[in-house]
């Protein structure tokens, strides 16, 4: 696959949909926590995510379904690549 960062086997966290009425209530944090637990329980050793960088400035909610850098950094994800200014590739070993 041409877009791989390297040969590390990863599980991918690609989308965090939270309905408008539930935003700001911690649902996204629970989705990440649940995804990490699910991956760990099934033998994953690394989870990769492709969030929007909200640290550089505001992110319109239409683009936030990939998750936010600030949210994932709080779960121990680190940046391993950046292909566009606002879209890093983050990873967390589990």
PDB file of N, CA and C in Angstrom:
ATOM      1  N   UNK A   1       0.845  -1.170   0.000  1.00  0.00           N
ATOM      2  CA  UNK A   1       0.000   0.000   0.000  1.00  0.00           C
ATOM      3  C   UNK A   1       0.894   1.238   0.000  1.00  0.00           C
ATOM      4  N   UNK A   2       0.711   2.146  -0.910  1.00  0.00           N
ATOM      5  CA  UNK A   2       1.586   3.297  -1.094  1.00  0.00           C
ATOM      6  C   UNK A   2       1.541   4.293   0.056  1.00  0.00           C
ATOM      7  N   UNK A   3       0.463   4.363   0.797  1.00  0.00           N
ATOM      8  CA  UNK A   3       0.334   5.371   1.841  1.00  0.00           C
ATOM      9  C   UNK A   3       0.769   4.899   3.222  1.00  0.00           C
ATOM     10  N   UNK A   4       1.272   3.707   3.342  1.00  0.00           N
ATOM     11  CA  UNK A   4       1.718   3.207   4.646  1.00  0.00           C
ATOM     12  C   UNK A   4       2.906   4.017   5.135  1.00  0.00           C
ATOM     13  N   UNK A   5       2.967   4.234   6.428  1.00  0.00           N
ATOM     14  CA  UNK A   5       4.098   4.926   7.024  1.00  0.00           C
ATOM     15  C   UNK A   5       5.326   4.021   7.018  1.00  0.00           C
ATOM     16  N   UNK A   6       5.116   2.757   7.377  1.00  0.00           N
ATOM     17  CA  UNK A   6       6.183   1.764   7.417  1.00  0.00           C
ATOM     18  C   UNK A   6       5.548   0.380   7.423  1.00  0.00           C
ATOM     19  N   UNK A   7       6.289  -0.620   7.811  1.00  0.00           N
ATOM     20  CA  UNK A   7       5.771  -1.997   7.782  1.00  0.00           C
ATOM     21  C   UNK A   7       5.127  -2.442   9.090  1.00  0.00           C
ATOM     22  N   UNK A   8       4.964  -1.542  10.038  1.00  0.00           N
ATOM     23  CA  UNK A   8       4.340  -1.886  11.314  1.00  0.00           C
ATOM     24  C   UNK A   8       2.889  -2.304  11.081  1.00  0.00           C
ATOM     25  N   UNK A   9       2.476  -3.471  11.589  1.00  0.00           N
ATOM     26  CA  UNK A   9       1.066  -3.846  11.476  1.00  0.00           C
ATOM     27  C   UNK A   9       0.230  -2.975  12.417  1.00  0.00           C
ATOM     28  N   UNK A  10      -0.789  -2.349  11.884  1.00  0.00           N
ATOM     29  CA  UNK A  10      -1.627  -1.458  12.689  1.00  0.00           C
ATOM     30  C   UNK A  10      -3.101  -1.773  12.512  1.00  0.00           C
ATOM     31  N   UNK A  11      -3.853  -1.465  13.552  1.00  0.00           N
ATOM     32  CA  UNK A  11      -5.298  -1.367  13.455  1.00  0.00           C
ATOM     33  C   UNK A  11      -5.565   0.116  13.262  1.00  0.00           C
ATOM     34  N   UNK A  12      -6.617   0.470  12.529  1.00  0.00           N
ATOM     35  CA  UNK A  12      -6.878   1.869  12.209  1.00  0.00           C
ATOM     36  C   UNK A  12      -8.154   2.375  12.882  1.00  0.00           C
ATOM     37  N   UNK A  13      -8.030   3.522  13.511  1.00  0.00           N
ATOM     38  CA  UNK A  13      -9.161   4.251  14.083  1.00  0.00           C
ATOM     39  C   UNK A  13      -9.446   5.378  13.097  1.00  0.00           C
ATOM     40  N   UNK A  14     -10.486   5.208  12.281  1.00  0.00           N
ATOM     41  CA  UNK A  14     -10.691   6.131  11.162  1.00  0.00           C
ATOM     42  C   UNK A  14     -11.825   7.119  11.335  1.00  0.00           C
ATOM     43  N   UNK A  15     -12.772   6.833  12.214  1.00  0.00           N
ATOM     44  CA  UNK A  15     -13.947   7.694  12.307  1.00  0.00           C
ATOM     45  C   UNK A  15     -14.510   7.672  13.722  1.00  0.00           C
ATOM     46  N   UNK A  16     -14.892   8.846  14.206  1.00  0.00           N
ATOM     47  CA  UNK A  16     -15.541   8.973  15.516  1.00  0.00           C
ATOM     48  C   UNK A  16     -16.795   9.820  15.317  1.00  0.00           C
ATOM     49  N   UNK A  17     -17.890   9.192  14.985  1.00  0.00           N
ATOM     50  CA  UNK A  17     -19.119   9.962  14.779  1.00  0.00           C
ATOM     51  C   UNK A  17     -19.853  10.141  16.095  1.00  0.00           C
ATOM     52  N   UNK A  18     -20.098  11.391  16.445  1.00  0.00           N
ATOM     53  CA  UNK A  18     -20.862  11.729  17.647  1.00  0.00           C
ATOM     54  C   UNK A  18     -22.004  12.641  17.213  1.00  0.00           C
ATOM     55  N   UNK A  19     -23.251  12.235  17.439  1.00  0.00           N
ATOM     56  CA  UNK A  19     -24.372  13.094  17.057  1.00  0.00           C
ATOM     57  C   UNK A  19     -24.261  14.466  17.725  1.00  0.00           C
ATOM     58  N   UNK A  20     -24.737  15.466  17.030  1.00  0.00           N
ATOM     59  CA  UNK A  20     -24.645  16.858  17.495  1.00  0.00           C
ATOM     60  C   UNK A  20     -25.108  17.021  18.939  1.00  0.00           C
ATOM     61  N   UNK A  21     -26.210  16.387  19.294  1.00  0.00           N
ATOM     62  CA  UNK A  21     -26.765  16.559  20.642  1.00  0.00           C
ATOM     63  C   UNK A  21     -25.902  15.915  21.731  1.00  0.00           C
ATOM     64  N   UNK A  22     -24.979  15.048  21.345  1.00  0.00           N
ATOM     65  CA  UNK A  22     -24.119  14.372  22.328  1.00  0.00           C
ATOM     66  C   UNK A  22     -22.703  14.951  22.373  1.00  0.00           C
ATOM     67  N   UNK A  23     -22.404  15.899  21.512  1.00  0.00           N
ATOM     68  CA  UNK A  23     -21.060  16.472  21.477  1.00  0.00           C
ATOM     69  C   UNK A  23     -20.765  17.246  22.751  1.00  0.00           C
ATOM     70  N   UNK A  24     -19.538  17.141  23.187  1.00  0.00           N
ATOM     71  CA  UNK A  24     -19.119  17.839  24.405  1.00  0.00           C
ATOM     72  C   UNK A  24     -19.467  17.096  25.680  1.00  0.00           C
ATOM     73  N   UNK A  25     -19.921  15.855  25.563  1.00  0.00           N
ATOM     74  CA  UNK A  25     -20.336  15.095  26.745  1.00  0.00           C
ATOM     75  C   UNK A  25     -19.388  13.948  27.078  1.00  0.00           C
ATOM     76  N   UNK A  26     -18.286  13.827  26.340  1.00  0.00           N
ATOM     77  CA  UNK A  26     -17.332  12.757  26.611  1.00  0.00           C
ATOM     78  C   UNK A  26     -17.522  11.521  25.760  1.00  0.00           C
ATOM     79  N   UNK A  27     -18.452  11.552  24.822  1.00  0.00           N
ATOM     80  CA  UNK A  27     -18.708  10.385  23.983  1.00  0.00           C
ATOM     81  C   UNK A  27     -17.480  10.033  23.139  1.00  0.00           C
ATOM     82  N   UNK A  28     -16.825  11.015  22.552  1.00  0.00           N
ATOM     83  CA  UNK A  28     -15.647  10.734  21.719  1.00  0.00           C
ATOM     84  C   UNK A  28     -14.548  10.066  22.551  1.00  0.00           C
ATOM     85  N   UNK A  29     -14.338  10.525  23.777  1.00  0.00           N
ATOM     86  CA  UNK A  29     -13.334   9.891  24.644  1.00  0.00           C
ATOM     87  C   UNK A  29     -13.691   8.432  24.902  1.00  0.00           C
ATOM     88  N   UNK A  30     -14.958   8.150  25.131  1.00  0.00           N
ATOM     89  CA  UNK A  30     -15.376   6.770  25.376  1.00  0.00           C
ATOM     90  C   UNK A  30     -15.251   5.917  24.121  1.00  0.00           C
ATOM     91  N   UNK A  31     -15.491   6.504  22.945  1.00  0.00           N
ATOM     92  CA  UNK A  31     -15.294   5.759  21.699  1.00  0.00           C
ATOM     93  C   UNK A  31     -13.831   5.373  21.521  1.00  0.00           C
ATOM     94  N   UNK A  32     -12.918   6.295  21.809  1.00  0.00           N
ATOM     95  CA  UNK A  32     -11.486   5.987  21.696  1.00  0.00           C
ATOM     96  C   UNK A  32     -11.098   4.930  22.728  1.00  0.00           C
ATOM     97  N   UNK A  33     -11.546   5.111  23.958  1.00  0.00           N
ATOM     98  CA  UNK A  33     -11.248   4.139  25.015  1.00  0.00           C
ATOM     99  C   UNK A  33     -11.757   2.747  24.620  1.00  0.00           C
ATOM    100  N   UNK A  34     -12.964   2.681  24.108  1.00  0.00           N
ATOM    101  CA  UNK A  34     -13.545   1.407  23.687  1.00  0.00           C
ATOM    102  C   UNK A  34     -12.812   0.795  22.504  1.00  0.00           C
ATOM    103  N   UNK A  35     -12.422   1.620  21.537  1.00  0.00           N
ATOM    104  CA  UNK A  35     -11.694   1.112  20.375  1.00  0.00           C
ATOM    105  C   UNK A  35     -10.340   0.538  20.789  1.00  0.00           C
ATOM    106  N   UNK A  36      -9.649   1.225  21.691  1.00  0.00           N
ATOM    107  CA  UNK A  36      -8.356   0.721  22.164  1.00  0.00           C
ATOM    108  C   UNK A  36      -8.524  -0.595  22.923  1.00  0.00           C
ATOM    109  N   UNK A  37      -9.539  -0.677  23.751  1.00  0.00           N
ATOM    110  CA  UNK A  37      -9.802  -1.911  24.487  1.00  0.00           C
ATOM    111  C   UNK A  37     -10.163  -3.055  23.563  1.00  0.00           C
ATOM    112  N   UNK A  38     -10.976  -2.769  22.568  1.00  0.00           N
ATOM    113  CA  UNK A  38     -11.380  -3.791  21.590  1.00  0.00           C
ATOM    114  C   UNK A  38     -10.156  -4.305  20.838  1.00  0.00           C
ATOM    115  N   UNK A  39      -9.315  -3.385  20.367  1.00  0.00           N
ATOM    116  CA  UNK A  39      -8.120  -3.777  19.621  1.00  0.00           C
ATOM    117  C   UNK A  39      -7.176  -4.597  20.498  1.00  0.00           C
ATOM    118  N   UNK A  40      -6.976  -4.148  21.726  1.00  0.00           N
ATOM    119  CA  UNK A  40      -6.082  -4.857  22.658  1.00  0.00           C
ATOM    120  C   UNK A  40      -6.583  -6.275  22.911  1.00  0.00           C
ATOM    121  N   UNK A  41      -7.887  -6.411  23.151  1.00  0.00           N
ATOM    122  CA  UNK A  41      -8.473  -7.715  23.460  1.00  0.00           C
ATOM    123  C   UNK A  41      -8.366  -8.688  22.286  1.00  0.00           C
ATOM    124  N   UNK A  42      -8.197  -8.166  21.085  1.00  0.00           N
ATOM    125  CA  UNK A  42      -8.106  -9.017  19.903  1.00  0.00           C
ATOM    126  C   UNK A  42      -6.690  -9.129  19.362  1.00  0.00           C
ATOM    127  N   UNK A  43      -5.712  -8.739  20.193  1.00  0.00           N
ATOM    128  CA  UNK A  43      -4.319  -8.972  19.848  1.00  0.00           C
ATOM    129  C   UNK A  43      -3.589  -7.880  19.103  1.00  0.00           C
ATOM    130  N   UNK A  44      -4.213  -6.722  18.917  1.00  0.00           N
ATOM    131  CA  UNK A  44      -3.510  -5.632  18.235  1.00  0.00           C
ATOM    132  C   UNK A  44      -2.362  -5.135  19.103  1.00  0.00           C
ATOM    133  N   UNK A  45      -1.294  -4.725  18.471  1.00  0.00           N
ATOM    134  CA  UNK A  45      -0.179  -4.155  19.223  1.00  0.00           C
ATOM    135  C   UNK A  45       0.009  -2.670  18.933  1.00  0.00           C
ATOM    136  N   UNK A  46      -0.663  -2.161  17.893  1.00  0.00           N
ATOM    137  CA  UNK A  46      -0.514  -0.759  17.527  1.00  0.00           C
ATOM    138  C   UNK A  46      -1.804  -0.278  16.862  1.00  0.00           C
ATOM    139  N   UNK A  47      -2.255   0.902  17.258  1.00  0.00           N
ATOM    140  CA  UNK A  47      -3.440   1.518  16.650  1.00  0.00           C
ATOM    141  C   UNK A  47      -2.996   2.827  16.008  1.00  0.00           C
ATOM    142  N   UNK A  48      -3.444   3.050  14.791  1.00  0.00           N
ATOM    143  CA  UNK A  48      -3.098   4.250  14.037  1.00  0.00           C
ATOM    144  C   UNK A  48      -4.369   5.063  13.827  1.00  0.00           C
ATOM    145  N   UNK A  49      -4.240   6.392  13.838  1.00  0.00           N
ATOM    146  CA  UNK A  49      -5.391   7.275  13.642  1.00  0.00           C
ATOM    147  C   UNK A  49      -4.989   8.414  12.710  1.00  0.00           C
ATOM    148  N   UNK A  50      -5.983   9.040  12.106  1.00  0.00           N
ATOM    149  CA  UNK A  50      -5.763  10.058  11.074  1.00  0.00           C
ATOM    150  C   UNK A  50      -6.606  11.305  11.384  1.00  0.00           C
ATOM    151  N   UNK A  51      -6.386  11.918  12.550  1.00  0.00           N
ATOM    152  CA  UNK A  51      -7.240  13.010  12.985  1.00  0.00           C
ATOM    153  C   UNK A  51      -6.946  14.333  12.278  1.00  0.00           C
ATOM    154  N   UNK A  52      -7.768  15.310  12.571  1.00  0.00           N
ATOM    155  CA  UNK A  52      -7.570  16.680  12.116  1.00  0.00           C
ATOM    156  C   UNK A  52      -6.831  17.412  13.236  1.00  0.00           C
ATOM    157  N   UNK A  53      -5.863  18.235  12.866  1.00  0.00           N
ATOM    158  CA  UNK A  53      -5.067  18.945  13.868  1.00  0.00           C
ATOM    159  C   UNK A  53      -5.822  20.173  14.375  1.00  0.00           C
ATOM    160  N   UNK A  54      -6.406  20.048  15.543  1.00  0.00           N
ATOM    161  CA  UNK A  54      -7.131  21.158  16.166  1.00  0.00           C
ATOM    162  C   UNK A  54      -6.203  22.037  16.993  1.00  0.00           C
ATOM    163  N   UNK A  55      -4.961  21.620  17.174  1.00  0.00           N
ATOM    164  CA  UNK A  55      -4.010  22.426  17.932  1.00  0.00           C
ATOM    165  C   UNK A  55      -3.563  23.621  17.097  1.00  0.00           C
ATOM    166  N   UNK A  56      -3.542  23.463  15.781  1.00  0.00           N
ATOM    167  CA  UNK A  56      -3.143  24.552  14.886  1.00  0.00           C
ATOM    168  C   UNK A  56      -4.231  25.606  14.726  1.00  0.00           C
ATOM    169  N   UNK A  57      -5.448  25.305  15.109  1.00  0.00           N
ATOM    170  CA  UNK A  57      -6.559  26.243  14.973  1.00  0.00           C
ATOM    171  C   UNK A  57      -7.877  25.510  14.988  1.00  0.00           C
ATOM    172  N   UNK A  58      -8.971  26.248  14.937  1.00  0.00           N
ATOM    173  CA  UNK A  58     -10.301  25.645  15.008  1.00  0.00           C
ATOM    174  C   UNK A  58     -10.563  24.675  13.854  1.00  0.00           C
ATOM    175  N   UNK A  59     -11.363  23.665  14.162  1.00  0.00           N
ATOM    176  CA  UNK A  59     -11.769  22.669  13.174  1.00  0.00           C
ATOM    177  C   UNK A  59     -13.288  22.701  13.085  1.00  0.00           C
ATOM    178  N   UNK A  60     -13.802  22.889  11.887  1.00  0.00           N
ATOM    179  CA  UNK A  60     -15.259  22.886  11.694  1.00  0.00           C
ATOM    180  C   UNK A  60     -15.777  21.481  11.984  1.00  0.00           C
ATOM    181  N   UNK A  61     -16.927  21.391  12.598  1.00  0.00           N
ATOM    182  CA  UNK A  61     -17.472  20.087  12.985  1.00  0.00           C
ATOM    183  C   UNK A  61     -17.671  19.145  11.800  1.00  0.00           C
ATOM    184  N   UNK A  62     -17.819  19.686  10.592  1.00  0.00           N
ATOM    185  CA  UNK A  62     -17.947  18.831   9.403  1.00  0.00           C
ATOM    186  C   UNK A  62     -16.685  18.010   9.149  1.00  0.00           C
ATOM    187  N   UNK A  63     -15.558  18.430   9.698  1.00  0.00           N
ATOM    188  CA  UNK A  63     -14.285  17.740   9.468  1.00  0.00           C
ATOM    189  C   UNK A  63     -13.799  16.986  10.692  1.00  0.00           C
ATOM    190  N   UNK A  64     -14.528  17.057  11.780  1.00  0.00           N
ATOM    191  CA  UNK A  64     -14.054  16.500  13.054  1.00  0.00           C
ATOM    192  C   UNK A  64     -14.329  15.009  13.210  1.00  0.00           C
ATOM    193  N   UNK A  65     -15.024  14.385  12.293  1.00  0.00           N
ATOM    194  CA  UNK A  65     -15.364  12.967  12.457  1.00  0.00           C
ATOM    195  C   UNK A  65     -14.143  12.053  12.424  1.00  0.00           C
ATOM    196  N   UNK A  66     -13.005  12.565  11.996  1.00  0.00           N
ATOM    197  CA  UNK A  66     -11.770  11.775  12.038  1.00  0.00           C
ATOM    198  C   UNK A  66     -11.154  11.804  13.430  1.00  0.00           C
ATOM    199  N   UNK A  67     -11.682  12.627  14.289  1.00  0.00           N
ATOM    200  CA  UNK A  67     -11.103  12.829  15.613  1.00  0.00           C
ATOM    201  C   UNK A  67     -10.189  14.043  15.603  1.00  0.00           C
ATOM    202  N   UNK A  68      -9.741  14.428  16.786  1.00  0.00           N
ATOM    203  CA  UNK A  68      -8.870  15.591  16.932  1.00  0.00           C
ATOM    204  C   UNK A  68      -7.534  15.157  17.503  1.00  0.00           C
ATOM    205  N   UNK A  69      -6.511  15.833  17.094  1.00  0.00           N
ATOM    206  CA  UNK A  69      -5.176  15.560  17.613  1.00  0.00           C
ATOM    207  C   UNK A  69      -5.174  15.687  19.135  1.00  0.00           C
ATOM    208  N   UNK A  70      -5.777  16.753  19.664  1.00  0.00           N
ATOM    209  CA  UNK A  70      -5.754  16.973  21.122  1.00  0.00           C
ATOM    210  C   UNK A  70      -6.394  15.815  21.882  1.00  0.00           C
ATOM    211  N   UNK A  71      -7.457  15.258  21.363  1.00  0.00           N
ATOM    212  CA  UNK A  71      -8.118  14.116  21.996  1.00  0.00           C
ATOM    213  C   UNK A  71      -7.198  12.903  22.021  1.00  0.00           C
ATOM    214  N   UNK A  72      -6.592  12.587  20.889  1.00  0.00           N
ATOM    215  CA  UNK A  72      -5.780  11.381  20.793  1.00  0.00           C
ATOM    216  C   UNK A  72      -4.444  11.507  21.521  1.00  0.00           C
ATOM    217  N   UNK A  73      -3.867  12.692  21.563  1.00  0.00           N
ATOM    218  CA  UNK A  73      -2.641  12.883  22.343  1.00  0.00           C
ATOM    219  C   UNK A  73      -2.901  12.551  23.809  1.00  0.00           C
ATOM    220  N   UNK A  74      -4.096  12.864  24.286  1.00  0.00           N
ATOM    221  CA  UNK A  74      -4.472  12.555  25.665  1.00  0.00           C
ATOM    222  C   UNK A  74      -4.548  11.069  25.956  1.00  0.00           C
ATOM    223  N   UNK A  75      -4.618  10.254  24.920  1.00  0.00           N
ATOM    224  CA  UNK A  75      -4.636   8.795  25.068  1.00  0.00           C
ATOM    225  C   UNK A  75      -3.272   8.177  24.772  1.00  0.00           C
ATOM    226  N   UNK A  76      -2.262   9.000  24.637  1.00  0.00           N
ATOM    227  CA  UNK A  76      -0.918   8.480  24.420  1.00  0.00           C
ATOM    228  C   UNK A  76      -0.517   8.263  22.976  1.00  0.00           C
ATOM    229  N   UNK A  77      -1.309   8.742  22.028  1.00  0.00           N
ATOM    230  CA  UNK A  77      -0.927   8.666  20.624  1.00  0.00           C
ATOM    231  C   UNK A  77       0.210   9.655  20.361  1.00  0.00           C
ATOM    232  N   UNK A  78       1.079   9.329  19.425  1.00  0.00           N
ATOM    233  CA  UNK A  78       2.150  10.229  19.014  1.00  0.00           C
ATOM    234  C   UNK A  78       2.162  10.323  17.494  1.00  0.00           C
ATOM    235  N   UNK A  79       2.661  11.433  17.001  1.00  0.00           N
ATOM    236  CA  UNK A  79       2.710  11.647  15.555  1.00  0.00           C
ATOM    237  C   UNK A  79       3.852  10.850  14.941  1.00  0.00           C
ATOM    238  N   UNK A  80       3.548  10.135  13.857  1.00  0.00           N
ATOM    239  CA  UNK A  80       4.571   9.366  13.142  1.00  0.00           C
ATOM    240  C   UNK A  80       4.756   9.854  11.709  1.00  0.00           C
ATOM    241  N   UNK A  81       3.818  10.643  11.204  1.00  0.00           N
ATOM    242  CA  UNK A  81       3.918  11.200   9.853  1.00  0.00           C
ATOM    243  C   UNK A  81       2.920  12.341   9.732  1.00  0.00           C
ATOM    244  N   UNK A  82       3.156  13.196   8.743  1.00  0.00           N
ATOM    245  CA  UNK A  82       2.214  14.282   8.451  1.00  0.00           C
ATOM    246  C   UNK A  82       2.255  14.498   6.947  1.00  0.00           C
ATOM    247  N   UNK A  83       1.153  14.187   6.308  1.00  0.00           N
ATOM    248  CA  UNK A  83       1.117  14.271   4.844  1.00  0.00           C
ATOM    249  C   UNK A  83       0.520  15.578   4.345  1.00  0.00           C
ATOM    250  N   UNK A  84      -0.277  16.235   5.184  1.00  0.00           N
ATOM    251  CA  UNK A  84      -0.796  17.565   4.878  1.00  0.00           C
ATOM    252  C   UNK A  84      -0.697  18.384   6.165  1.00  0.00           C
ATOM    253  N   UNK A  85      -0.748  19.698   6.085  1.00  0.00           N
ATOM    254  CA  UNK A  85      -0.566  20.515   7.290  1.00  0.00           C
ATOM    255  C   UNK A  85      -1.534  20.204   8.440  1.00  0.00           C
ATOM    256  N   UNK A  86      -2.767  19.851   8.144  1.00  0.00           N
ATOM    257  CA  UNK A  86      -3.754  19.628   9.205  1.00  0.00           C
ATOM    258  C   UNK A  86      -4.071  18.160   9.466  1.00  0.00           C
ATOM    259  N   UNK A  87      -3.401  17.213   8.793  1.00  0.00           N
ATOM    260  CA  UNK A  87      -3.754  15.793   8.920  1.00  0.00           C
ATOM    261  C   UNK A  87      -2.539  14.928   9.234  1.00  0.00           C
ATOM    262  N   UNK A  88      -2.175  14.820  10.505  1.00  0.00           N
ATOM    263  CA  UNK A  88      -1.079  13.928  10.875  1.00  0.00           C
ATOM    264  C   UNK A  88      -1.541  12.481  10.943  1.00  0.00           C
ATOM    265  N   UNK A  89      -0.579  11.590  10.965  1.00  0.00           N
ATOM    266  CA  UNK A  89      -0.821  10.179  11.244  1.00  0.00           C
ATOM    267  C   UNK A  89      -0.298   9.957  12.668  1.00  0.00           C
ATOM    268  N   UNK A  90      -1.178   9.482  13.548  1.00  0.00           N
ATOM    269  CA  UNK A  90      -0.813   9.239  14.935  1.00  0.00           C
ATOM    270  C   UNK A  90      -0.842   7.742  15.235  1.00  0.00           C
ATOM    271  N   UNK A  91      -0.004   7.325  16.165  1.00  0.00           N
ATOM    272  CA  UNK A  91      -0.007   5.921  16.581  1.00  0.00           C
ATOM    273  C   UNK A  91       0.070   5.798  18.092  1.00  0.00           C
ATOM    274  N   UNK A  92      -0.461   4.675  18.553  1.00  0.00           N
ATOM    275  CA  UNK A  92      -0.326   4.316  19.950  1.00  0.00           C
ATOM    276  C   UNK A  92      -0.058   2.822  20.028  1.00  0.00           C
ATOM    277  N   UNK A  93       0.992   2.459  20.721  1.00  0.00           N
ATOM    278  CA  UNK A  93       1.277   1.053  20.985  1.00  0.00           C
ATOM    279  C   UNK A  93       0.408   0.596  22.157  1.00  0.00           C
ATOM    280  N   UNK A  94      -0.121  -0.609  22.040  1.00  0.00           N
ATOM    281  CA  UNK A  94      -0.956  -1.125  23.133  1.00  0.00           C
ATOM    282  C   UNK A  94      -0.489  -2.514  23.531  1.00  0.00           C
TER     283      UNK A  94
END
